Every structure is written in C-alpha cells, then in structure tokens.
Protein backbone atom coordinates (compact mmCIF):
# COMPACT_ATOMS: atom_id res chain seq x y z
CA MET A 1 285.66 12.91 53.34
CA ASN A 2 284.82 10.42 56.14
CA ARG A 3 284.99 13.20 58.74
CA PHE A 4 282.60 15.25 56.63
CA LYS A 5 280.12 12.43 56.48
CA PHE A 6 280.41 11.87 60.32
CA ASN A 7 279.76 15.50 60.94
CA PHE A 8 276.84 15.51 58.62
CA VAL A 9 275.29 12.48 60.36
CA VAL A 10 275.75 14.19 63.82
CA PHE A 11 274.01 17.29 62.45
CA ILE A 12 271.03 15.35 61.16
CA LEU A 13 270.68 13.47 64.44
CA GLN A 14 270.78 16.67 66.46
CA LEU A 15 268.15 18.17 64.04
CA THR A 16 266.00 15.18 64.43
CA CYS A 17 266.04 15.32 68.21
CA VAL A 18 264.99 19.03 68.17
CA ILE A 19 262.09 18.25 65.89
CA ALA A 20 261.03 15.20 67.89
CA PHE A 21 261.25 16.85 71.13
CA PRO A 22 260.37 20.49 70.81
CA GLN A 23 261.40 22.87 73.47
CA ASP A 24 257.80 24.01 74.15
CA SER A 25 256.54 20.56 75.04
CA LEU A 26 256.30 18.89 78.43
CA VAL A 27 255.78 15.30 79.52
CA LEU A 28 253.60 14.90 82.64
CA ASN A 29 252.19 12.07 84.78
CA LEU A 30 249.49 12.69 87.24
CA ASN A 31 251.68 13.14 90.28
CA ASN A 32 253.88 15.61 88.53
CA ALA A 33 250.86 17.63 87.38
CA ILE A 34 249.57 17.73 91.00
CA LYS A 35 252.91 18.99 92.42
CA MET A 36 253.03 21.60 89.59
CA ALA A 37 249.50 22.74 90.42
CA LEU A 38 250.29 23.20 94.12
CA GLN A 39 253.36 25.16 93.31
CA ASN A 40 251.96 27.50 90.61
CA ASN A 41 248.25 27.92 91.53
CA THR A 42 247.37 31.51 92.36
CA GLU A 43 245.07 30.52 95.26
CA VAL A 44 247.88 28.45 97.06
CA VAL A 45 250.24 31.49 96.54
CA LYS A 46 247.59 33.83 97.95
CA THR A 47 246.79 31.56 100.86
CA ASN A 48 250.56 31.23 101.74
CA TYR A 49 250.78 35.09 101.91
CA GLN A 50 247.63 35.07 104.11
CA LEU A 51 249.13 32.48 106.38
CA LYS A 52 252.37 34.37 106.60
CA SER A 53 250.43 37.55 107.40
CA ALA A 54 248.54 35.77 110.31
CA GLU A 55 251.91 34.61 111.70
CA PHE A 56 253.20 38.08 111.77
CA SER A 57 249.92 39.26 113.44
CA LEU A 58 250.64 36.59 116.19
CA LYS A 59 254.08 37.99 116.67
CA GLU A 60 252.67 41.39 117.01
CA ALA A 61 250.26 40.12 119.72
CA LYS A 62 253.17 38.56 121.55
CA GLY A 63 255.04 41.75 121.40
CA ASN A 64 252.41 43.27 123.75
CA PHE A 65 253.92 41.13 126.59
CA LEU A 66 257.37 42.70 126.06
CA PRO A 67 258.64 45.95 127.74
CA LYS A 68 258.33 49.08 125.81
CA VAL A 69 260.98 51.87 125.90
CA SER A 70 260.53 55.25 124.32
CA PHE A 71 262.78 58.41 124.19
CA SER A 72 261.49 61.97 123.69
CA ALA A 73 263.29 65.30 123.42
CA LEU A 74 261.60 68.86 123.64
CA TYR A 75 262.76 72.39 123.08
CA ASN A 76 260.53 75.42 123.86
CA ARG A 77 261.19 79.07 123.18
CA ASN A 78 259.15 80.86 125.83
CA ILE A 79 257.94 84.07 124.21
CA ASP A 80 255.53 84.96 126.92
CA LYS A 81 256.49 83.32 130.08
CA GLN A 82 254.01 81.88 132.56
CA VAL A 83 253.38 84.05 135.65
CA LEU A 84 252.54 83.55 139.24
CA PHE A 85 249.85 85.93 140.91
CA PHE A 86 249.99 87.16 144.40
CA SER A 87 246.44 87.58 145.47
CA GLU A 88 246.87 90.28 148.14
CA THR A 89 249.10 92.70 146.19
CA ASN A 90 247.81 91.68 142.73
CA ALA A 91 251.52 91.51 141.78
CA THR A 92 252.96 89.01 139.32
CA ILE A 93 256.24 87.34 138.84
CA LYS A 94 257.42 85.65 135.63
CA LEU A 95 258.48 82.00 135.83
CA GLY A 96 261.01 80.08 133.75
CA SER A 97 263.61 81.08 131.21
CA ASP A 98 263.60 82.02 127.41
CA ASN A 99 264.83 78.53 126.58
CA PHE A 100 263.62 75.25 127.84
CA TYR A 101 265.14 71.85 127.10
CA SER A 102 263.85 68.42 128.23
CA SER A 103 264.48 64.75 127.31
CA SER A 104 262.77 61.80 128.80
CA LEU A 105 263.30 58.00 128.74
CA ASP A 106 260.09 56.18 129.48
CA PHE A 107 259.66 52.45 130.39
CA SER A 108 256.54 50.29 130.64
CA MET A 109 255.93 46.65 130.89
CA PRO A 110 252.57 44.74 131.39
CA ILE A 111 252.65 42.51 134.53
CA TYR A 112 249.10 41.34 134.03
CA SER A 113 246.69 42.13 131.14
CA SER A 114 243.78 39.77 130.20
CA GLN A 115 243.43 41.63 126.93
CA ASN A 116 246.97 40.72 125.83
CA ILE A 117 246.34 37.09 126.81
CA LYS A 118 243.04 36.84 124.86
CA ASN A 119 244.33 38.78 121.90
CA ARG A 120 247.27 36.27 121.64
CA ASP A 121 244.61 33.32 121.72
CA VAL A 122 242.55 34.98 119.01
CA ASN A 123 245.59 35.25 116.68
CA VAL A 124 246.51 31.58 117.42
CA ALA A 125 242.95 30.58 116.36
CA GLN A 126 243.25 32.70 113.28
CA ILE A 127 246.46 30.97 112.30
CA ASN A 128 244.90 27.51 112.78
CA LEU A 129 241.93 28.51 110.68
CA GLN A 130 244.21 29.90 107.96
CA LYS A 131 246.23 26.62 107.88
CA GLU A 132 242.95 24.62 107.41
CA VAL A 133 241.88 27.10 104.66
CA LYS A 134 245.12 26.34 102.93
CA SER A 135 244.64 22.60 103.33
CA GLY A 136 241.20 22.82 101.93
CA ILE A 137 242.36 24.77 98.91
CA GLU A 138 245.06 22.26 98.20
CA GLN A 139 242.61 19.39 98.37
CA ARG A 140 240.31 21.28 95.95
CA ILE A 141 243.20 21.95 93.58
CA VAL A 142 244.45 18.28 93.69
CA THR A 143 240.84 17.17 92.89
CA ASN A 144 240.49 19.65 90.06
CA THR A 145 243.92 18.70 88.63
CA LYS A 146 243.03 14.96 88.57
CA LEU A 147 239.63 15.73 86.76
CA THR A 148 241.22 18.10 84.27
CA TYR A 149 244.02 15.72 83.64
CA PHE A 150 241.73 12.80 82.80
CA ASN A 151 239.34 14.98 80.99
CA TYR A 152 242.20 16.05 78.67
CA LEU A 153 243.50 12.54 78.48
CA ILE A 154 240.09 11.14 77.46
CA ALA A 155 239.61 13.96 74.95
CA LEU A 156 242.85 12.82 73.26
CA GLU A 157 241.75 9.24 73.42
CA VAL A 158 238.45 10.04 71.77
CA VAL A 159 240.36 11.63 68.94
CA LYS A 160 242.42 8.41 68.59
CA VAL A 161 239.13 6.37 68.39
CA GLN A 162 237.69 8.66 65.68
CA GLN A 163 241.06 8.56 63.74
CA SER A 164 240.87 4.73 63.93
CA GLN A 165 237.33 4.74 62.61
CA LEU A 166 238.21 6.98 59.83
CA GLN A 167 241.21 4.90 58.87
CA ASN A 168 238.98 1.73 58.87
CA VAL A 169 236.28 3.21 56.70
CA MET A 170 238.94 4.63 54.34
CA GLN A 171 240.45 1.20 53.90
CA ILE A 172 237.04 -0.28 53.21
CA LEU A 173 236.34 2.48 50.77
CA VAL A 174 239.50 1.56 48.82
CA ASP A 175 238.52 -2.01 48.82
CA ILE A 176 234.93 -1.22 47.67
CA LYS A 177 236.35 0.86 44.78
CA LYS A 178 238.33 -2.06 43.60
CA ARG A 179 235.29 -4.36 43.79
CA VAL A 180 233.10 -1.92 41.95
CA GLU A 181 235.65 -1.75 39.21
CA LYS A 182 235.72 -5.56 39.06
CA GLY A 183 231.87 -5.51 38.98
CA THR A 184 231.45 -7.56 42.09
CA LEU A 185 229.75 -4.67 43.86
CA ILE A 186 227.28 -2.08 42.79
CA LYS A 187 227.81 1.77 42.92
CA TYR A 188 225.31 2.09 45.88
CA ASP A 189 227.85 0.31 48.13
CA LEU A 190 230.49 2.88 46.92
CA THR A 191 228.20 5.81 47.76
CA ALA A 192 227.27 4.34 51.13
CA ALA A 193 231.05 3.89 51.98
CA GLN A 194 231.75 7.52 50.93
CA VAL A 195 228.96 8.65 53.20
CA GLN A 196 230.49 6.76 56.10
CA VAL A 197 233.85 8.43 55.41
CA ALA A 198 232.24 11.80 55.50
CA ILE A 199 230.52 11.02 58.79
CA ALA A 200 233.93 9.66 60.20
CA LYS A 201 235.66 12.88 59.05
CA ASN A 202 233.05 15.00 60.77
CA ASN A 203 233.19 12.96 64.01
CA LEU A 204 237.04 13.37 64.02
CA LEU A 205 236.66 17.16 63.56
CA GLU A 206 234.22 17.44 66.46
CA ALA A 207 236.61 15.33 68.64
CA GLU A 208 239.51 17.54 67.78
CA SER A 209 237.63 20.63 68.47
CA ASN A 210 237.14 19.35 72.19
CA VAL A 211 240.83 18.87 72.74
CA LEU A 212 241.95 22.41 72.87
CA PRO A 213 239.43 23.52 75.58
CA ALA A 214 240.35 20.51 77.63
CA ALA A 215 243.97 21.28 77.26
CA ASN A 216 243.59 24.85 78.24
CA MET A 217 241.55 23.86 81.27
CA PHE A 218 244.16 21.43 82.34
CA LYS A 219 247.07 23.80 81.77
CA LYS A 220 245.19 26.59 83.58
CA SER A 221 244.58 24.21 86.60
CA ILE A 222 248.33 23.59 86.92
CA GLY A 223 249.38 27.15 86.22
CA LEU A 224 251.12 26.24 82.90
CA THR A 225 250.43 28.82 80.23
CA ASN A 226 253.85 29.17 78.52
CA VAL A 227 254.00 25.71 77.10
CA ASP A 228 252.10 24.70 73.87
CA ASN A 229 252.27 20.87 73.90
CA VAL A 230 251.72 18.71 76.93
CA LYS A 231 252.09 15.00 76.64
CA LEU A 232 250.11 12.96 79.26
CA ILE A 233 251.54 9.52 80.04
CA GLU A 234 249.09 8.35 82.81
CA PRO A 235 247.32 5.05 81.65
CA ILE A 236 243.52 5.05 81.43
CA ASP A 237 242.67 2.46 83.91
CA ASP A 238 239.24 0.93 84.12
CA LEU A 239 238.93 1.49 87.81
CA ASP A 240 241.15 2.93 90.66
CA ALA A 241 241.71 1.03 93.81
CA THR A 242 238.29 2.19 95.14
CA ILE A 243 238.14 2.15 98.77
CA LEU A 244 234.73 3.09 100.15
CA LEU A 245 235.29 3.43 104.01
CA GLU A 246 232.77 1.75 106.28
CA ASP A 247 233.23 4.66 108.85
CA ALA A 248 233.04 7.23 105.95
CA GLU A 249 230.62 9.42 107.91
CA LYS A 250 232.92 9.49 110.83
CA GLN A 251 235.87 10.33 108.65
CA LEU A 252 233.77 13.00 107.07
CA LEU A 253 232.91 14.73 110.31
CA LEU A 254 236.58 14.49 111.37
CA ASN A 255 238.48 15.32 108.25
CA ASN A 256 236.35 17.32 105.80
CA SER A 257 238.24 20.53 105.32
CA GLN A 258 235.19 22.77 105.11
CA LEU A 259 233.59 21.26 108.37
CA LYS A 260 236.99 21.69 110.16
CA GLN A 261 237.10 25.38 108.92
CA LEU A 262 233.63 25.98 110.26
CA ALA A 263 234.46 24.42 113.61
CA LEU A 264 237.66 26.51 113.87
CA ASN A 265 235.48 29.51 113.08
CA VAL A 266 233.26 28.70 116.05
CA GLY A 267 236.28 28.38 118.23
CA LEU A 268 237.64 31.69 116.77
CA ASN A 269 234.36 33.44 117.65
CA ASN A 270 234.54 32.10 121.16
CA GLN A 271 238.03 33.52 121.48
CA LYS A 272 236.70 36.91 120.35
CA ILE A 273 234.05 36.86 123.01
CA GLN A 274 236.75 36.28 125.58
CA LEU A 275 238.85 39.16 124.14
CA ILE A 276 236.00 41.52 124.49
CA LYS A 277 235.34 40.34 128.06
CA SER A 278 238.86 41.00 128.97
CA ASN A 279 237.88 44.70 129.07
CA TYR A 280 236.15 43.94 132.36
CA TYR A 281 239.51 43.00 134.02
CA PRO A 282 242.11 45.44 135.35
CA THR A 283 245.64 45.78 133.92
CA ILE A 284 248.66 46.11 135.96
CA SER A 285 251.97 47.51 134.51
CA ALA A 286 255.46 48.34 135.70
CA VAL A 287 256.53 51.85 134.78
CA GLY A 288 259.69 53.99 134.91
CA ASN A 289 260.88 57.37 133.81
CA TYR A 290 264.19 59.22 133.56
CA ASN A 291 264.02 62.90 132.78
CA PHE A 292 266.89 65.29 131.85
CA GLN A 293 265.98 68.99 131.65
CA SER A 294 267.28 72.61 131.88
CA GLN A 295 266.31 76.26 131.27
CA ALA A 296 268.24 79.44 130.44
CA ASN A 297 267.97 82.78 128.79
CA ASN A 298 270.99 82.24 126.52
CA PHE A 299 272.39 79.50 124.30
CA LYS A 300 275.42 78.58 126.22
CA VAL A 301 274.41 74.98 126.48
CA PHE A 302 277.53 73.79 128.13
CA ASN A 303 277.02 76.15 130.96
CA TYR A 304 273.47 75.13 131.72
CA ASN A 305 272.39 73.54 134.99
CA TRP A 306 270.93 70.21 133.94
CA VAL A 307 268.43 68.51 136.33
CA HIS A 308 267.96 64.78 136.50
CA THR A 309 264.72 63.23 137.72
CA SER A 310 263.74 59.53 137.80
CA LEU A 311 261.10 57.27 139.06
CA VAL A 312 259.82 53.63 139.03
CA GLY A 313 256.39 52.24 140.01
CA LEU A 314 253.29 50.20 139.40
CA GLN A 315 250.33 51.35 137.46
CA PHE A 316 246.87 49.87 137.98
CA GLN A 317 244.06 50.62 135.55
CA TYR A 318 240.44 49.47 135.83
CA VAL A 319 237.47 50.69 133.82
CA LEU A 320 234.57 51.39 136.18
CA PHE A 321 231.97 52.38 133.48
CA ASN A 322 232.26 52.86 129.72
CA GLY A 323 228.65 53.36 128.73
CA THR A 324 227.76 49.62 128.38
CA ILE A 325 229.91 49.45 125.26
CA THR A 326 231.64 46.26 126.32
CA LYS A 327 228.37 44.59 127.30
CA ASN A 328 226.87 45.30 123.92
CA LYS A 329 229.98 44.15 122.05
CA VAL A 330 229.86 40.88 123.90
CA GLN A 331 226.25 40.31 122.90
CA GLN A 332 227.20 40.91 119.25
CA ALA A 333 230.08 38.47 119.50
CA ILE A 334 227.80 35.75 121.13
CA ILE A 335 225.36 36.31 118.18
CA ASP A 336 228.21 35.85 115.68
CA LYS A 337 229.17 32.66 117.47
CA LYS A 338 225.66 31.31 117.28
CA ILE A 339 225.58 32.00 113.57
CA ALA A 340 228.90 30.13 113.14
CA GLU A 341 227.44 27.09 115.04
CA GLU A 342 224.35 27.04 112.85
CA ASP A 343 226.43 27.19 109.70
CA LEU A 344 228.51 24.18 111.11
CA LYS A 345 225.37 22.22 111.97
CA PHE A 346 223.80 22.81 108.60
CA ALA A 347 226.97 21.91 106.66
CA SER A 348 227.39 18.68 108.68
CA GLU A 349 223.94 17.41 107.85
CA ASP A 350 224.21 18.59 104.16
CA PHE A 351 227.60 16.70 103.78
CA LYS A 352 226.22 13.50 105.36
CA MET A 353 223.51 13.59 102.61
CA GLN A 354 226.04 14.36 99.98
CA LEU A 355 228.25 11.34 101.33
CA LYS A 356 225.30 8.90 100.81
CA GLU A 357 224.61 10.14 97.29
CA MET A 358 228.37 10.08 96.46
CA GLU A 359 228.71 6.44 97.62
CA SER A 360 225.66 5.53 95.62
CA LEU A 361 226.94 7.31 92.52
CA ILE A 362 230.38 5.60 92.90
CA GLU A 363 228.84 2.12 93.03
CA PHE A 364 226.62 2.96 89.98
CA SER A 365 229.55 4.37 88.02
CA LYS A 366 231.68 1.37 88.83
CA LYS A 367 229.03 -1.00 87.43
CA LYS A 368 228.47 1.12 84.39
CA VAL A 369 232.29 0.98 83.63
CA LEU A 370 232.14 -2.76 83.92
CA VAL A 371 229.11 -3.11 81.70
CA GLN A 372 230.51 -0.74 79.14
CA ARG A 373 233.83 -2.60 79.26
CA GLU A 374 231.99 -5.92 78.57
CA ASN A 375 230.00 -4.23 75.72
CA LEU A 376 233.30 -2.96 74.29
CA ASP A 377 234.76 -6.41 74.22
CA LEU A 378 231.84 -7.89 72.58
CA THR A 379 231.33 -5.16 69.96
CA LYS A 380 235.09 -5.35 69.18
CA GLU A 381 234.75 -9.17 68.72
CA ALA A 382 231.72 -8.64 66.42
CA PHE A 383 233.48 -6.00 64.41
CA GLN A 384 236.45 -8.31 63.84
CA LEU A 385 234.24 -11.09 62.74
CA ALA A 386 232.25 -8.79 60.50
CA LYS A 387 235.51 -7.66 58.66
CA LYS A 388 236.59 -11.37 58.19
CA ARG A 389 233.19 -12.26 56.77
CA TYR A 390 233.39 -9.23 54.51
CA GLN A 391 236.79 -10.33 53.32
CA LEU A 392 235.45 -13.78 52.60
CA GLY A 393 232.63 -12.30 50.67
CA VAL A 394 229.84 -13.68 52.93
CA SER A 395 228.67 -10.25 54.36
CA THR A 396 227.92 -6.87 53.00
CA PHE A 397 229.50 -3.53 53.65
CA LEU A 398 226.57 -2.39 55.70
CA GLU A 399 227.14 -5.25 58.14
CA VAL A 400 230.86 -4.13 58.65
CA SER A 401 229.72 -0.46 58.91
CA ASN A 402 227.21 -1.24 61.55
CA ALA A 403 229.43 -3.37 63.53
CA GLU A 404 232.17 -0.73 63.35
CA LEU A 405 229.62 1.92 64.46
CA LEU A 406 228.66 -0.14 67.44
CA PHE A 407 232.36 -0.77 68.43
CA THR A 408 233.09 2.89 68.16
CA GLN A 409 230.12 3.97 70.18
CA ALA A 410 230.96 1.33 72.82
CA LYS A 411 234.47 2.63 73.03
CA LEU A 412 233.28 6.24 73.52
CA ASN A 413 230.75 5.12 76.02
CA TRP A 414 233.45 3.24 77.98
CA LEU A 415 235.59 6.36 77.96
CA LYS A 416 232.73 8.45 79.24
CA ALA A 417 231.92 5.96 81.94
CA ILE A 418 235.59 6.00 83.19
CA LEU A 419 235.48 9.86 83.34
CA ASN A 420 232.20 9.81 85.25
CA TYR A 421 233.54 7.33 87.67
CA LYS A 422 236.81 9.13 88.31
CA SER A 423 234.91 12.29 88.84
CA ALA A 424 232.70 10.69 91.40
CA TYR A 425 235.54 8.94 93.16
CA TYR A 426 237.85 11.97 93.40
CA ASN A 427 234.95 14.09 94.73
CA TYR A 428 234.24 11.43 97.22
CA GLN A 429 237.89 11.52 98.34
CA MET A 430 237.73 15.30 98.85
CA LEU A 431 234.44 14.95 100.67
CA ILE A 432 235.81 12.71 103.26
CA GLY A 433 239.08 14.68 103.60
CA LYS A 434 241.38 12.12 102.33
CA GLU A 435 244.99 13.10 102.97
CA ILE A 436 246.98 14.29 99.92
CA LYS A 437 249.72 11.78 99.15
CA LEU A 438 252.17 12.41 96.31
C-alpha cells in the first residue's frame, strides 16, 4: 500500500511538471534570442552562401596561375583521301591511309599575365565587400531582435497593467455592492463602478490583442516558428548604460557598415578598371606538346608504326587592335566608379545628419523616461492614498477611480517611453557601427 502511494505521488509530480513546463515553450533572455536570430535568420544563411561562393570564385581566379594539362585522342576514317597535284603533268597522288590515329598531351602555364593578376585582385575585393555585407546584415538583425524582443516584452507588461487595473476595480465593485446593501452608498456609485469594470475589461482585451502580433514579429525575427509559447526573462530597465561617444561622427565614418560597403564598392570598381586595362598588356606562357600518331589501311593496331613528336616553347601574345573595345570598356568602368563615389559622398553626409538627429532623440527620450518615471511614482502614491481615504470613508469612489486611471496611464506612458528610448538607442548603436558583443 505504501509503495502504491509512493508511485501515485511520483506520477502526480511528473504530470505537474509536464503541465507547468510544456514542451512547446521556450525561455529566452536577450542574448540567447540574438544568438538564435543570427543562427536561424534566412538573410544570414543566404549571405553565408554568397560569401562561400565568392571564396570559390577567388580559388577559381587563382587557378589561372597554375599549369593546365589536357589530353586528346582522335580517330579518322579517310573515305576520300587528300591528294597532291603535280602541276606539269596534272597527275595526282593520294596521301595518307584509310585509318588515322592521333593522341596528344598539351601543356601550358602562364609566366606573366596582367589579366590573371587583376582578376585575382577583383575577387579579393568582392570577398571583402561580401564580408562587410554579412556584418551589416548581422548588425541589422541584432538591432531588429532587440527591438522586437522589447516590443513583445512591453506588450506583455501592458497586459499585466490592464489586468491589475481590472482586478482593482473588481475589488472596489465588490466593496461598493456591500456598501450599497448597507445603505451607505447610493446606486449611482454602483453603476459608475460597473462602468469602470467594463472599461477595464475592454482595455484588457485591446492589450491582449496586441500580444500575438508582437509575439509573431519577435519569433519571426529569430527564426522561431515551431514554438507556441516563448517566455521572456529580460528585465525592463529604465535606461541602458547609454554611452554617446564624443567622437561619434568619426566612429560613424569608420565603422558604419553601409558606408564601409560603399567604400569597398568604390575600391571594387577601381579594381575592375585595372582588370579591363590589363587587356593592353601582353601575356607570356610556357607551352609544351607530346603527340603520338599512326596511319594504316587495316586494323592490325599492334603492327602499326607509331610516330612520336614533342615540343616545348614560349608563347607571346599581344593585341595590337581590337576595335577600341577595351578603351570604351574602361570609360564605362570609370563612370561606374564615379557613381559609386557619389553614392558614398551622399550617404556620408546623410548619415552625419541622421547622427545629430539620433543623438538629440536619445537625449529627449532619456529625459522623457525620467519624467514619466517620476510621474509614475507620484500617481502610484496618490492612488494608494486615495484607496486609504476611501477605506476610511473620507473620499468617494470617483476620487479612487480617477487616481487609478492616472496611475495606469502613467504606467503605460512610462512603458511607451522606455520602448521609444530603446528604439532610438539601438538604432544609434547600429548607425555608428558598434561591434556586436554577446
């Protein structure tokens, strides 16, 4: 009997654990959410493939410096053989045999090729650009994850605020009903309390309706679509350790990912110009050939007379004139470079203006958080005093209701101010190219 009770208790505990911690739920702090986003985000996966493709392209370019060896084999059945004419007698003589066999081993290796060198440099520039593209995407994903995380967290917090308000007005409604029954309050107070309950219920429904979109946006940002419930454990701090750099403009010009990409694109266009100009230079290659051939009128291959020939040498190639094609291609590439330089110049000035606006917005948002926090503390104190006065019978339900409304609105304004502040600060970090640290 004791063993049965023990097994029953164990079963109940296991069942409780399963109910309390469902398999489709996940607990996340901000750092873990960022790590998950960087692992699962489709853009990161795609840019990793693109970077790998660029690396293989560089290996392909380096392959042009290596020797190339090829083997070929040929068999011809000469149906009508070639002939040799004798001009004086107009007689002809047939050349060759019915069967012709030939195999060849060819070797070539570039000794000097400006085109190969510049092509390699272009691929190196492309890899550097692709790495910075990846870095920029990662910064944007980190920023987006932070914003969606706190947007979801604050949406949940708003629900708690509205639930607390509903609970408070429900308690007051119960108290008013008792007082109405005792005759110390009139029915008007009861009706007013019921109206406040209805308003609180409506506010709670609206707050709950905002949770699912915020949750889906957050789960989408971290690539998490197969988990229904996500529990966020990051605290809602008033302010981060805000650091506005004195040399923020310098940091912006040095570290902003988009500016670095534009600068690398200018360099890439310059390398493309040099690649096209390499067509003006000659190429020198080492060449070699080994040939093995025979002819006969029968198929007694082992009785054939096989002839071996071989050679080694240097090949010099220089384009004297190609119809000004290279010249016009160079001019097109120069124009592309000038366009890239204009893009970089415009973006630099635009980001400088954005930086000043962002710094101003952060300072404003910080002050607003502090003001809202002060207002929250005052309205909380006023609400507590109003409840005490109501309990002592020296104030009306209307006074309590107004105090609670002000307190609830102050709490919501404080949460909104925090979200606006975090949004401004995280965008500021991305703008100046702050390094991602997890």
